[in-house]
Structures are given as structure tokens and as C-alpha cells.
Amino acid sequence: MWTAWGAATVWMVWTATPATSRPVAAGLTVLAWTFLSAFAMRGLILRRPVGRPARPAKVAVRPEIHVHVPAQAAPADQHPHNSCPFRD
């Protein structure tokens, strides 16, 4: 099918071009079709291979947990009435 499509393209260029320029136009069309077919059939590989990474990943794992603990208030601040005879 791909070859038939290319042949039809060359034929359309051949019939639409004046008689004096037909061989040149058809030749350029065949060259362009051949060049573009190489990319179409093989494909452009723009992705990295999936099976193997290009370079090993550098991962630094440091299992640290930071917990912010507020400082407890001083005992005098917790019971402001220390001189009171009736304590909690």
C-alpha cells in the first residue's frame, strides 16, 4: 500500500507538471518520497530505551524524621497561684 501511495503521488506530479519539466519533477518527487519513507518506515526514535536505563539513578536515602516538640511551660507558669492555700 505504501508503494502504491508513492506511485500515485509521482503520477499526480507527472500529470500536473508541464511536459518540459516532467522528468525533473518526477525525479525530485521520487527522491523526496524515498527520503521521507526511510523515516516513516524506520521511525524516529526520540525516546530512551525502556529496558535499560541510560545511566544509573543516583538516589540518596536518609531516613530522618524531624518532629517539632514545643517546650513545656515552667511549673510556675502552669499554676499562677502558688501561694494560695487551696491548690488543685
PDB file of N, CA and C in Angstrom:
ATOM      1  N   MET A   1       0.827  -1.192   0.000  1.00  0.00           N
ATOM      2  CA  MET A   1       0.000   0.000   0.000  1.00  0.00           C
ATOM      3  C   MET A   1       0.869   1.253   0.000  1.00  0.00           C
ATOM      4  N   TRP A   2       1.972   1.184   0.769  1.00  0.00           N
ATOM      5  CA  TRP A   2       2.852   2.353   0.829  1.00  0.00           C
ATOM      6  C   TRP A   2       3.472   2.638  -0.546  1.00  0.00           C
ATOM      7  N   THR A   3       3.834   1.582  -1.264  1.00  0.00           N
ATOM      8  CA  THR A   3       4.416   1.751  -2.602  1.00  0.00           C
ATOM      9  C   THR A   3       3.380   2.292  -3.575  1.00  0.00           C
ATOM     10  N   ALA A   4       2.153   1.824  -3.477  1.00  0.00           N
ATOM     11  CA  ALA A   4       1.086   2.326  -4.351  1.00  0.00           C
ATOM     12  C   ALA A   4       0.817   3.794  -4.075  1.00  0.00           C
ATOM     13  N   TRP A   5       0.853   4.184  -2.820  1.00  0.00           N
ATOM     14  CA  TRP A   5       0.645   5.589  -2.468  1.00  0.00           C
ATOM     15  C   TRP A   5       1.762   6.458  -3.071  1.00  0.00           C
ATOM     16  N   GLY A   6       2.985   5.989  -2.981  1.00  0.00           N
ATOM     17  CA  GLY A   6       4.110   6.724  -3.555  1.00  0.00           C
ATOM     18  C   GLY A   6       4.020   6.809  -5.066  1.00  0.00           C
ATOM     19  N   ALA A   7       3.638   5.712  -5.705  1.00  0.00           N
ATOM     20  CA  ALA A   7       3.486   5.715  -7.166  1.00  0.00           C
ATOM     21  C   ALA A   7       2.377   6.667  -7.595  1.00  0.00           C
ATOM     22  N   ALA A   8       1.285   6.700  -6.841  1.00  0.00           N
ATOM     23  CA  ALA A   8       0.192   7.624  -7.161  1.00  0.00           C
ATOM     24  C   ALA A   8       0.645   9.077  -6.990  1.00  0.00           C
ATOM     25  N   THR A   9       1.468   9.346  -6.001  1.00  0.00           N
ATOM     26  CA  THR A   9       1.980  10.699  -5.798  1.00  0.00           C
ATOM     27  C   THR A   9       2.864  11.118  -6.971  1.00  0.00           C
ATOM     28  N   VAL A  10       3.759  10.233  -7.395  1.00  0.00           N
ATOM     29  CA  VAL A  10       4.626  10.541  -8.538  1.00  0.00           C
ATOM     30  C   VAL A  10       3.797  10.725  -9.807  1.00  0.00           C
ATOM     31  N   TRP A  11       2.770   9.908  -9.980  1.00  0.00           N
ATOM     32  CA  TRP A  11       1.924  10.040 -11.159  1.00  0.00           C
ATOM     33  C   TRP A  11       1.181  11.386 -11.166  1.00  0.00           C
ATOM     34  N   MET A  12       0.688  11.828  -9.986  1.00  0.00           N
ATOM     35  CA  MET A  12      -0.006  13.117  -9.915  1.00  0.00           C
ATOM     36  C   MET A  12       0.946  14.267 -10.232  1.00  0.00           C
ATOM     37  N   VAL A  13       2.186  14.167  -9.759  1.00  0.00           N
ATOM     38  CA  VAL A  13       3.165  15.212 -10.079  1.00  0.00           C
ATOM     39  C   VAL A  13       3.475  15.179 -11.569  1.00  0.00           C
ATOM     40  N   TRP A  14       3.584  13.990 -12.135  1.00  0.00           N
ATOM     41  CA  TRP A  14       3.900  13.853 -13.558  1.00  0.00           C
ATOM     42  C   TRP A  14       2.804  14.475 -14.427  1.00  0.00           C
ATOM     43  N   THR A  15       1.540  14.229 -14.069  1.00  0.00           N
ATOM     44  CA  THR A  15       0.440  14.739 -14.899  1.00  0.00           C
ATOM     45  C   THR A  15       0.213  16.232 -14.706  1.00  0.00           C
ATOM     46  N   ALA A  16       0.578  16.790 -13.562  1.00  0.00           N
ATOM     47  CA  ALA A  16       0.318  18.206 -13.306  1.00  0.00           C
ATOM     48  C   ALA A  16       1.464  19.122 -13.732  1.00  0.00           C
ATOM     49  N   THR A  17       2.588  18.533 -14.119  1.00  0.00           N
ATOM     50  CA  THR A  17       3.759  19.329 -14.482  1.00  0.00           C
ATOM     51  C   THR A  17       3.798  19.503 -15.994  1.00  0.00           C
ATOM     52  N   PRO A  18       4.244  20.682 -16.475  1.00  0.00           N
ATOM     53  CA  PRO A  18       4.398  20.854 -17.937  1.00  0.00           C
ATOM     54  C   PRO A  18       5.369  19.820 -18.520  1.00  0.00           C
ATOM     55  N   ALA A  19       5.211  19.536 -19.792  1.00  0.00           N
ATOM     56  CA  ALA A  19       5.950  18.447 -20.447  1.00  0.00           C
ATOM     57  C   ALA A  19       7.458  18.632 -20.380  1.00  0.00           C
ATOM     58  N   THR A  20       7.940  19.848 -20.416  1.00  0.00           N
ATOM     59  CA  THR A  20       9.390  20.061 -20.432  1.00  0.00           C
ATOM     60  C   THR A  20      10.038  19.758 -19.082  1.00  0.00           C
ATOM     61  N   SER A  21       9.297  19.855 -17.978  1.00  0.00           N
ATOM     62  CA  SER A  21       9.865  19.671 -16.636  1.00  0.00           C
ATOM     63  C   SER A  21       9.438  18.369 -15.974  1.00  0.00           C
ATOM     64  N   ARG A  22       8.728  17.520 -16.696  1.00  0.00           N
ATOM     65  CA  ARG A  22       8.206  16.295 -16.090  1.00  0.00           C
ATOM     66  C   ARG A  22       9.284  15.376 -15.517  1.00  0.00           C
ATOM     67  N   PRO A  23      10.351  15.084 -16.247  1.00  0.00           N
ATOM     68  CA  PRO A  23      11.344  14.154 -15.677  1.00  0.00           C
ATOM     69  C   PRO A  23      12.009  14.701 -14.409  1.00  0.00           C
ATOM     70  N   VAL A  24      12.279  15.993 -14.388  1.00  0.00           N
ATOM     71  CA  VAL A  24      12.919  16.591 -13.211  1.00  0.00           C
ATOM     72  C   VAL A  24      11.962  16.575 -12.022  1.00  0.00           C
ATOM     73  N   ALA A  25      10.706  16.967 -12.225  1.00  0.00           N
ATOM     74  CA  ALA A  25       9.727  16.997 -11.145  1.00  0.00           C
ATOM     75  C   ALA A  25       9.453  15.596 -10.613  1.00  0.00           C
ATOM     76  N   ALA A  26       9.328  14.614 -11.514  1.00  0.00           N
ATOM     77  CA  ALA A  26       9.076  13.244 -11.080  1.00  0.00           C
ATOM     78  C   ALA A  26      10.298  12.695 -10.341  1.00  0.00           C
ATOM     79  N   GLY A  27      11.487  13.015 -10.814  1.00  0.00           N
ATOM     80  CA  GLY A  27      12.700  12.558 -10.138  1.00  0.00           C
ATOM     81  C   GLY A  27      12.828  13.155  -8.743  1.00  0.00           C
ATOM     82  N   LEU A  28      12.538  14.440  -8.594  1.00  0.00           N
ATOM     83  CA  LEU A  28      12.579  15.073  -7.272  1.00  0.00           C
ATOM     84  C   LEU A  28      11.515  14.481  -6.347  1.00  0.00           C
ATOM     85  N   THR A  29      10.368  14.154  -6.907  1.00  0.00           N
ATOM     86  CA  THR A  29       9.306  13.551  -6.105  1.00  0.00           C
ATOM     87  C   THR A  29       9.716  12.163  -5.617  1.00  0.00           C
ATOM     88  N   VAL A  30      10.339  11.387  -6.502  1.00  0.00           N
ATOM     89  CA  VAL A  30      10.799  10.052  -6.101  1.00  0.00           C
ATOM     90  C   VAL A  30      11.872  10.165  -5.026  1.00  0.00           C
ATOM     91  N   LEU A  31      12.805  11.108  -5.172  1.00  0.00           N
ATOM     92  CA  LEU A  31      13.847  11.283  -4.156  1.00  0.00           C
ATOM     93  C   LEU A  31      13.251  11.718  -2.819  1.00  0.00           C
ATOM     94  N   ALA A  32      12.324  12.662  -2.859  1.00  0.00           N
ATOM     95  CA  ALA A  32      11.693  13.124  -1.619  1.00  0.00           C
ATOM     96  C   ALA A  32      10.897  11.998  -0.972  1.00  0.00           C
ATOM     97  N   TRP A  33      10.160  11.227  -1.774  1.00  0.00           N
ATOM     98  CA  TRP A  33       9.376  10.117  -1.236  1.00  0.00           C
ATOM     99  C   TRP A  33      10.283   9.059  -0.622  1.00  0.00           C
ATOM    100  N   THR A  34      11.416   8.780  -1.280  1.00  0.00           N
ATOM    101  CA  THR A  34      12.357   7.798  -0.751  1.00  0.00           C
ATOM    102  C   THR A  34      12.963   8.272   0.567  1.00  0.00           C
ATOM    103  N   PHE A  35      13.362   9.536   0.626  1.00  0.00           N
ATOM    104  CA  PHE A  35      13.955  10.098   1.843  1.00  0.00           C
ATOM    105  C   PHE A  35      12.956  10.076   2.999  1.00  0.00           C
ATOM    106  N   LEU A  36      11.742  10.521   2.745  1.00  0.00           N
ATOM    107  CA  LEU A  36      10.731  10.549   3.804  1.00  0.00           C
ATOM    108  C   LEU A  36      10.253   9.143   4.181  1.00  0.00           C
ATOM    109  N   SER A  37      10.291   8.210   3.240  1.00  0.00           N
ATOM    110  CA  SER A  37       9.899   6.835   3.550  1.00  0.00           C
ATOM    111  C   SER A  37      10.874   6.177   4.513  1.00  0.00           C
ATOM    112  N   ALA A  38      12.145   6.570   4.437  1.00  0.00           N
ATOM    113  CA  ALA A  38      13.128   5.996   5.362  1.00  0.00           C
ATOM    114  C   ALA A  38      12.757   6.336   6.799  1.00  0.00           C
ATOM    115  N   PHE A  39      12.315   7.550   7.049  1.00  0.00           N
ATOM    116  CA  PHE A  39      11.882   7.930   8.393  1.00  0.00           C
ATOM    117  C   PHE A  39      10.533   7.304   8.749  1.00  0.00           C
ATOM    118  N   ALA A  40       9.645   7.215   7.768  1.00  0.00           N
ATOM    119  CA  ALA A  40       8.316   6.674   8.047  1.00  0.00           C
ATOM    120  C   ALA A  40       8.377   5.176   8.347  1.00  0.00           C
ATOM    121  N   MET A  41       9.200   4.452   7.624  1.00  0.00           N
ATOM    122  CA  MET A  41       9.265   3.002   7.824  1.00  0.00           C
ATOM    123  C   MET A  41      10.095   2.617   9.047  1.00  0.00           C
ATOM    124  N   ARG A  42      11.157   3.360   9.296  1.00  0.00           N
ATOM    125  CA  ARG A  42      12.008   3.031  10.439  1.00  0.00           C
ATOM    126  C   ARG A  42      11.526   3.739  11.689  1.00  0.00           C
ATOM    127  N   GLY A  43      11.004   4.919  11.542  1.00  0.00           N
ATOM    128  CA  GLY A  43      10.514   5.679  12.682  1.00  0.00           C
ATOM    129  C   GLY A  43      11.619   6.505  13.322  1.00  0.00           C
ATOM    130  N   LEU A  44      11.238   7.615  13.880  1.00  0.00           N
ATOM    131  CA  LEU A  44      12.181   8.443  14.610  1.00  0.00           C
ATOM    132  C   LEU A  44      12.188   7.981  16.054  1.00  0.00           C
ATOM    133  N   ILE A  45      13.331   7.638  16.566  1.00  0.00           N
ATOM    134  CA  ILE A  45      13.435   7.177  17.943  1.00  0.00           C
ATOM    135  C   ILE A  45      13.878   8.355  18.788  1.00  0.00           C
ATOM    136  N   LEU A  46      12.935   8.946  19.481  1.00  0.00           N
ATOM    137  CA  LEU A  46      13.229  10.098  20.329  1.00  0.00           C
ATOM    138  C   LEU A  46      13.182   9.734  21.802  1.00  0.00           C
ATOM    139  N   ARG A  47      12.812   8.493  22.102  1.00  0.00           N
ATOM    140  CA  ARG A  47      12.702   8.070  23.490  1.00  0.00           C
ATOM    141  C   ARG A  47      13.897   7.230  23.880  1.00  0.00           C
ATOM    142  N   ARG A  48      14.174   7.187  25.156  1.00  0.00           N
ATOM    143  CA  ARG A  48      15.214   6.311  25.661  1.00  0.00           C
ATOM    144  C   ARG A  48      14.698   4.879  25.687  1.00  0.00           C
ATOM    145  N   PRO A  49      15.587   3.915  25.595  1.00  0.00           N
ATOM    146  CA  PRO A  49      15.144   2.524  25.703  1.00  0.00           C
ATOM    147  C   PRO A  49      14.536   2.250  27.079  1.00  0.00           C
ATOM    148  N   VAL A  50      13.467   1.481  27.091  1.00  0.00           N
ATOM    149  CA  VAL A  50      12.751   1.232  28.337  1.00  0.00           C
ATOM    150  C   VAL A  50      13.440   0.157  29.166  1.00  0.00           C
ATOM    151  N   GLY A  51      14.017  -0.830  28.526  1.00  0.00           N
ATOM    152  CA  GLY A  51      14.561  -1.972  29.230  1.00  0.00           C
ATOM    153  C   GLY A  51      15.769  -1.667  30.092  1.00  0.00           C
ATOM    154  N   ARG A  52      16.623  -0.783  29.673  1.00  0.00           N
ATOM    155  CA  ARG A  52      17.828  -0.471  30.432  1.00  0.00           C
ATOM    156  C   ARG A  52      17.996   1.043  30.523  1.00  0.00           C
ATOM    157  N   PRO A  53      18.250   1.542  31.690  1.00  0.00           N
ATOM    158  CA  PRO A  53      18.422   2.981  31.830  1.00  0.00           C
ATOM    159  C   PRO A  53      19.748   3.431  31.217  1.00  0.00           C
ATOM    160  N   ALA A  54      19.788   4.669  30.749  1.00  0.00           N
ATOM    161  CA  ALA A  54      20.989   5.201  30.123  1.00  0.00           C
ATOM    162  C   ALA A  54      22.104   5.354  31.143  1.00  0.00           C
ATOM    163  N   ARG A  55      21.788   5.789  32.323  1.00  0.00           N
ATOM    164  CA  ARG A  55      22.771   5.907  33.398  1.00  0.00           C
ATOM    165  C   ARG A  55      22.079   5.558  34.695  1.00  0.00           C
ATOM    166  N   PRO A  56      22.812   4.996  35.630  1.00  0.00           N
ATOM    167  CA  PRO A  56      22.157   4.602  36.884  1.00  0.00           C
ATOM    168  C   PRO A  56      21.678   5.820  37.661  1.00  0.00           C
ATOM    169  N   ALA A  57      20.571   5.654  38.297  1.00  0.00           N
ATOM    170  CA  ALA A  57      19.993   6.750  39.075  1.00  0.00           C
ATOM    171  C   ALA A  57      20.777   6.912  40.374  1.00  0.00           C
ATOM    172  N   LYS A  58      21.018   8.153  40.740  1.00  0.00           N
ATOM    173  CA  LYS A  58      21.717   8.453  41.985  1.00  0.00           C
ATOM    174  C   LYS A  58      20.668   8.836  43.019  1.00  0.00           C
ATOM    175  N   VAL A  59      20.434   7.918  43.935  1.00  0.00           N
ATOM    176  CA  VAL A  59      19.417   8.147  44.948  1.00  0.00           C
ATOM    177  C   VAL A  59      20.091   8.090  46.312  1.00  0.00           C
ATOM    178  N   ALA A  60      19.897   9.127  47.085  1.00  0.00           N
ATOM    179  CA  ALA A  60      20.424   9.154  48.442  1.00  0.00           C
ATOM    180  C   ALA A  60      19.243   9.053  49.406  1.00  0.00           C
ATOM    181  N   VAL A  61      19.175   7.960  50.125  1.00  0.00           N
ATOM    182  CA  VAL A  61      18.073   7.749  51.059  1.00  0.00           C
ATOM    183  C   VAL A  61      18.601   7.996  52.462  1.00  0.00           C
ATOM    184  N   ARG A  62      18.016   8.951  53.145  1.00  0.00           N
ATOM    185  CA  ARG A  62      18.388   9.251  54.525  1.00  0.00           C
ATOM    186  C   ARG A  62      17.112   9.243  55.362  1.00  0.00           C
ATOM    187  N   PRO A  63      16.833   8.144  56.028  1.00  0.00           N
ATOM    188  CA  PRO A  63      15.586   8.061  56.799  1.00  0.00           C
ATOM    189  C   PRO A  63      15.688   8.878  58.086  1.00  0.00           C
ATOM    190  N   GLU A  64      15.368  10.128  57.998  1.00  0.00           N
ATOM    191  CA  GLU A  64      15.376  11.012  59.159  1.00  0.00           C
ATOM    192  C   GLU A  64      13.973  11.559  59.366  1.00  0.00           C
ATOM    193  N   ILE A  65      13.565  11.622  60.618  1.00  0.00           N
ATOM    194  CA  ILE A  65      12.260  12.174  60.946  1.00  0.00           C
ATOM    195  C   ILE A  65      12.489  13.357  61.871  1.00  0.00           C
ATOM    196  N   HIS A  66      11.987  14.489  61.468  1.00  0.00           N
ATOM    197  CA  HIS A  66      12.113  15.695  62.283  1.00  0.00           C
ATOM    198  C   HIS A  66      10.741  16.024  62.865  1.00  0.00           C
ATOM    199  N   VAL A  67      10.636  15.963  64.174  1.00  0.00           N
ATOM    200  CA  VAL A  67       9.384  16.263  64.856  1.00  0.00           C
ATOM    201  C   VAL A  67       9.613  17.495  65.726  1.00  0.00           C
ATOM    202  N   HIS A  68       8.809  18.495  65.516  1.00  0.00           N
ATOM    203  CA  HIS A  68       8.921  19.713  66.318  1.00  0.00           C
ATOM    204  C   HIS A  68       8.099  19.525  67.600  1.00  0.00           C
ATOM    205  N   VAL A  69       8.772  19.562  68.746  1.00  0.00           N
ATOM    206  CA  VAL A  69       8.110  19.409  70.046  1.00  0.00           C
ATOM    207  C   VAL A  69       8.242  20.740  70.763  1.00  0.00           C
ATOM    208  N   PRO A  70       7.106  21.389  71.063  1.00  0.00           N
ATOM    209  CA  PRO A  70       7.206  22.670  71.767  1.00  0.00           C
ATOM    210  C   PRO A  70       7.694  22.467  73.205  1.00  0.00           C
ATOM    211  N   ALA A  71       8.438  23.419  73.689  1.00  0.00           N
ATOM    212  CA  ALA A  71       8.961  23.341  75.056  1.00  0.00           C
ATOM    213  C   ALA A  71       7.807  23.494  76.053  1.00  0.00           C
ATOM    214  N   GLN A  72       7.861  22.709  77.133  1.00  0.00           N
ATOM    215  CA  GLN A  72       6.801  22.784  78.135  1.00  0.00           C
ATOM    216  C   GLN A  72       6.988  24.043  78.979  1.00  0.00           C
ATOM    217  N   ALA A  73       5.892  24.546  79.434  1.00  0.00           N
ATOM    218  CA  ALA A  73       5.935  25.746  80.277  1.00  0.00           C
ATOM    219  C   ALA A  73       6.513  25.402  81.645  1.00  0.00           C
ATOM    220  N   ALA A  74       7.114  26.376  82.245  1.00  0.00           N
ATOM    221  CA  ALA A  74       7.690  26.191  83.579  1.00  0.00           C
ATOM    222  C   ALA A  74       6.582  25.921  84.587  1.00  0.00           C
ATOM    223  N   PRO A  75       6.858  25.202  85.688  1.00  0.00           N
ATOM    224  CA  PRO A  75       5.815  24.898  86.678  1.00  0.00           C
ATOM    225  C   PRO A  75       5.175  26.147  87.262  1.00  0.00           C
ATOM    226  N   ALA A  76       5.900  27.231  87.389  1.00  0.00           N
ATOM    227  CA  ALA A  76       5.323  28.466  87.938  1.00  0.00           C
ATOM    228  C   ALA A  76       4.282  29.033  86.987  1.00  0.00           C
ATOM    229  N   ASP A  77       4.481  28.820  85.695  1.00  0.00           N
ATOM    230  CA  ASP A  77       3.516  29.343  84.726  1.00  0.00           C
ATOM    231  C   ASP A  77       2.258  28.487  84.690  1.00  0.00           C
ATOM    232  N   GLN A  78       2.377  27.214  84.998  1.00  0.00           N
ATOM    233  CA  GLN A  78       1.209  26.348  84.963  1.00  0.00           C
ATOM    234  C   GLN A  78       0.259  26.641  86.122  1.00  0.00           C
ATOM    235  N   HIS A  79       0.801  26.966  87.299  1.00  0.00           N
ATOM    236  CA  HIS A  79      -0.023  27.275  88.465  1.00  0.00           C
ATOM    237  C   HIS A  79       0.321  28.702  88.928  1.00  0.00           C
ATOM    238  N   PRO A  80      -0.386  29.672  88.414  1.00  0.00           N
ATOM    239  CA  PRO A  80      -0.033  31.053  88.756  1.00  0.00           C
ATOM    240  C   PRO A  80      -0.311  31.406  90.228  1.00  0.00           C
ATOM    241  N   HIS A  81      -1.112  30.636  90.916  1.00  0.00           N
ATOM    242  CA  HIS A  81      -1.447  30.949  92.306  1.00  0.00           C
ATOM    243  C   HIS A  81      -0.722  29.998  93.254  1.00  0.00           C
ATOM    244  N   ASN A  82       0.574  29.998  93.238  1.00  0.00           N
ATOM    245  CA  ASN A  82       1.353  29.087  94.087  1.00  0.00           C
ATOM    246  C   ASN A  82       1.221  29.416  95.591  1.00  0.00           C
ATOM    247  N   SER A  83       0.946  30.621  95.888  1.00  0.00           N
ATOM    248  CA  SER A  83       0.845  30.988  97.318  1.00  0.00           C
ATOM    249  C   SER A  83      -0.564  30.735  97.878  1.00  0.00           C
ATOM    250  N   CYS A  84      -1.450  30.292  97.067  1.00  0.00           N
ATOM    251  CA  CYS A  84      -2.823  30.051  97.509  1.00  0.00           C
ATOM    252  C   CYS A  84      -2.863  28.773  98.352  1.00  0.00           C
ATOM    253  N   PRO A  85      -3.536  28.748  99.503  1.00  0.00           N
ATOM    254  CA  PRO A  85      -3.612  27.545 100.312  1.00  0.00           C
ATOM    255  C   PRO A  85      -4.460  26.446  99.684  1.00  0.00           C
ATOM    256  N   PHE A  86      -5.361  26.842  98.793  1.00  0.00           N
ATOM    257  CA  PHE A  86      -6.209  25.838  98.154  1.00  0.00           C
ATOM    258  C   PHE A  86      -5.654  25.533  96.761  1.00  0.00           C
ATOM    259  N   ARG A  87      -4.927  24.477  96.659  1.00  0.00           N
ATOM    260  CA  ARG A  87      -4.291  24.136  95.380  1.00  0.00           C
ATOM    261  C   ARG A  87      -5.122  23.074  94.683  1.00  0.00           C
ATOM    262  N   ASP A  88      -4.903  22.952  93.456  1.00  0.00           N
ATOM    263  CA  ASP A  88      -5.611  21.962  92.631  1.00  0.00           C
ATOM    264  C   ASP A  88      -5.321  20.558  93.051  1.00  0.00           C
TER     265      ASP A  88
END
